[in-house]
């Protein structure tokens, strides 16, 4: 993808600049940088999730089932058995029947394969959830025994 950046800089300066920006962005995806960018506390909770394409014309495709690892006002971490695509928008149903959370539109911001049938994906919500509503939902599904995820 990146090839020889020096060669691209001479032949295609615009493309080289874009590639340099991508490299810089990738360099900020360390665990410490991700932790530093967090705006909201996370709740450790395992809930069923159905992830459908956020694109209306693709909504008839089946949902990708998964389970949450943690949820915050601004995003969540989910484990799937099938792949999801970084950059794509998804409509996330996080156990709405029990949590009473709304259908959440989110962008997949990172994904990594844990093993053959487990993909861990991080999502950033387009609209932050209400903090009190999220806390109440987490209490409801955990029997009042909520745990904040470790930083």
Protein backbone atom coordinates (compact mmCIF):
# COMPACT_ATOMS: atom_id res chain seq x y z
CA UNK A 1 0.00 0.00 0.00
CA UNK A 2 2.65 2.49 1.01
CA UNK A 3 5.47 1.27 -1.21
CA UNK A 4 8.59 3.37 -1.14
CA UNK A 5 7.45 6.69 0.31
CA UNK A 6 10.50 8.48 -1.06
CA UNK A 7 9.67 7.34 -4.60
CA UNK A 8 6.03 8.44 -4.21
CA UNK A 9 7.15 11.84 -2.90
CA UNK A 10 9.00 12.53 -6.14
CA UNK A 11 6.43 11.12 -8.56
CA UNK A 12 3.14 11.86 -6.78
CA UNK A 13 3.57 14.45 -4.03
CA UNK A 14 -0.17 14.59 -3.16
CA UNK A 15 -0.38 10.83 -2.72
CA UNK A 16 2.84 10.79 -0.70
CA UNK A 17 1.48 13.45 1.66
CA UNK A 18 -1.72 11.43 2.12
CA UNK A 19 0.27 8.28 2.85
CA UNK A 20 2.42 10.16 5.39
CA UNK A 21 -0.76 11.31 7.18
CA UNK A 22 -2.05 7.71 7.28
CA UNK A 23 1.22 6.52 8.77
CA UNK A 24 1.02 9.25 11.44
CA UNK A 25 -2.57 8.28 12.24
CA UNK A 26 -1.66 4.60 12.55
CA UNK A 27 1.17 5.51 14.90
CA UNK A 28 -1.36 7.08 17.29
CA UNK A 29 -3.33 3.83 17.65
CA UNK A 30 -1.19 2.55 20.51
CA UNK A 31 -2.94 1.35 23.67
CA UNK A 32 -1.68 4.40 25.59
CA UNK A 33 -2.97 6.81 22.94
CA UNK A 34 -6.38 5.13 22.82
CA UNK A 35 -6.63 5.36 26.63
CA UNK A 36 -5.66 9.04 26.55
CA UNK A 37 -8.38 9.86 24.00
CA UNK A 38 -11.20 8.28 26.04
CA UNK A 39 -13.79 10.83 27.11
CA UNK A 40 -16.17 8.63 29.12
CA UNK A 41 -15.89 5.83 31.68
CA UNK A 42 -16.58 2.34 30.33
CA UNK A 43 -18.84 -0.28 31.88
CA UNK A 44 -17.70 -3.91 31.70
CA UNK A 45 -20.76 -5.82 30.54
CA UNK A 46 -21.43 -8.80 28.26
CA UNK A 47 -24.61 -8.18 26.26
CA UNK A 48 -25.86 -9.58 22.96
CA UNK A 49 -25.44 -7.23 20.00
CA UNK A 50 -26.85 -7.28 16.50
CA UNK A 51 -24.80 -5.13 14.11
CA UNK A 52 -26.48 -4.22 10.82
CA UNK A 53 -25.18 -2.03 8.06
CA UNK A 54 -25.89 1.63 8.75
CA UNK A 55 -26.41 2.14 5.02
CA UNK A 56 -30.15 1.97 4.41
CA UNK A 57 -29.77 0.18 1.05
CA UNK A 58 -27.80 -2.61 2.78
CA UNK A 59 -30.09 -3.01 5.80
CA UNK A 60 -31.69 -6.19 4.42
CA UNK A 61 -28.41 -8.04 4.80
CA UNK A 62 -28.34 -10.14 7.93
CA UNK A 63 -27.15 -8.82 11.22
CA UNK A 64 -23.72 -9.79 12.51
CA UNK A 65 -24.20 -11.14 16.05
CA UNK A 66 -21.73 -10.34 18.80
CA UNK A 67 -21.30 -9.63 22.51
CA UNK A 68 -20.14 -6.45 24.19
CA UNK A 69 -16.94 -6.37 26.23
CA UNK A 70 -17.55 -2.83 27.47
CA UNK A 71 -19.85 0.11 26.77
CA UNK A 72 -19.43 3.84 27.36
CA UNK A 73 -21.37 6.96 26.42
CA UNK A 74 -19.24 7.40 23.31
CA UNK A 75 -18.51 3.88 22.11
CA UNK A 76 -18.16 0.20 22.79
CA UNK A 77 -15.95 -2.84 22.30
CA UNK A 78 -17.61 -5.93 20.78
CA UNK A 79 -16.47 -9.48 19.99
CA UNK A 80 -17.87 -10.96 16.76
CA UNK A 81 -17.55 -14.39 15.15
CA UNK A 82 -17.67 -12.77 11.69
CA UNK A 83 -15.69 -9.85 10.39
CA UNK A 84 -16.82 -6.24 10.44
CA UNK A 85 -15.08 -3.55 8.42
CA UNK A 86 -13.12 -0.64 9.85
CA UNK A 87 -14.55 2.63 8.57
CA UNK A 88 -18.04 1.23 7.93
CA UNK A 89 -21.11 2.55 9.72
CA UNK A 90 -23.30 0.12 11.66
CA UNK A 91 -26.66 0.28 13.42
CA UNK A 92 -26.03 -1.44 16.77
CA UNK A 93 -28.83 -3.08 18.72
CA UNK A 94 -27.28 -3.60 22.15
CA UNK A 95 -29.89 -5.86 23.77
CA UNK A 96 -32.52 -3.11 23.37
CA UNK A 97 -35.26 -5.28 24.87
CA UNK A 98 -33.47 -5.34 28.24
CA UNK A 99 -31.26 -2.25 28.20
CA UNK A 100 -33.88 0.09 26.71
CA UNK A 101 -31.01 1.79 24.86
CA UNK A 102 -31.90 3.24 21.46
CA UNK A 103 -30.64 1.84 18.17
CA UNK A 104 -27.11 3.26 18.04
CA UNK A 105 -25.35 4.37 14.85
CA UNK A 106 -21.59 3.95 15.12
CA UNK A 107 -18.46 3.76 13.00
CA UNK A 108 -16.12 0.80 13.38
CA UNK A 109 -12.83 2.50 14.26
CA UNK A 110 -10.66 -0.55 14.80
CA UNK A 111 -10.78 -4.33 14.51
CA UNK A 112 -8.37 -7.15 15.14
CA UNK A 113 -8.56 -10.90 14.90
CA UNK A 114 -8.21 -12.59 18.27
CA UNK A 115 -8.39 -16.08 16.73
CA UNK A 116 -10.13 -17.83 13.81
CA UNK A 117 -13.67 -17.18 15.03
CA UNK A 118 -13.28 -14.08 17.22
CA UNK A 119 -12.89 -10.54 15.95
CA UNK A 120 -12.63 -7.68 18.44
CA UNK A 121 -14.03 -4.40 17.12
CA UNK A 122 -14.12 -0.91 18.61
CA UNK A 123 -16.98 1.44 17.71
CA UNK A 124 -17.40 5.18 18.10
CA UNK A 125 -21.00 6.37 18.45
CA UNK A 126 -22.14 9.27 16.26
CA UNK A 127 -24.19 10.68 19.16
CA UNK A 128 -23.09 10.16 22.76
CA UNK A 129 -25.51 8.27 24.98
CA UNK A 130 -26.99 10.08 27.94
CA UNK A 131 -24.84 9.24 30.97
CA UNK A 132 -27.71 8.75 33.40
CA UNK A 133 -29.63 6.62 30.87
CA UNK A 134 -26.56 4.44 30.23
CA UNK A 135 -25.85 3.99 33.95
CA UNK A 136 -29.48 3.05 34.58
CA UNK A 137 -29.40 0.57 31.68
CA UNK A 138 -26.21 -1.03 32.99
CA UNK A 139 -27.73 -1.33 36.47
CA UNK A 140 -30.86 -2.90 34.99
CA UNK A 141 -29.02 -5.61 33.06
CA UNK A 142 -26.48 -6.36 35.80
CA UNK A 143 -28.91 -6.50 38.70
CA UNK A 144 -27.48 -3.26 40.10
CA UNK A 145 -23.95 -4.67 40.14
CA UNK A 146 -22.18 -2.43 37.60
CA UNK A 147 -18.41 -2.40 37.12
CA UNK A 148 -16.39 0.28 35.41
CA UNK A 149 -13.82 -1.13 33.04
CA UNK A 150 -10.18 -0.72 33.97
CA UNK A 151 -8.51 2.28 32.38
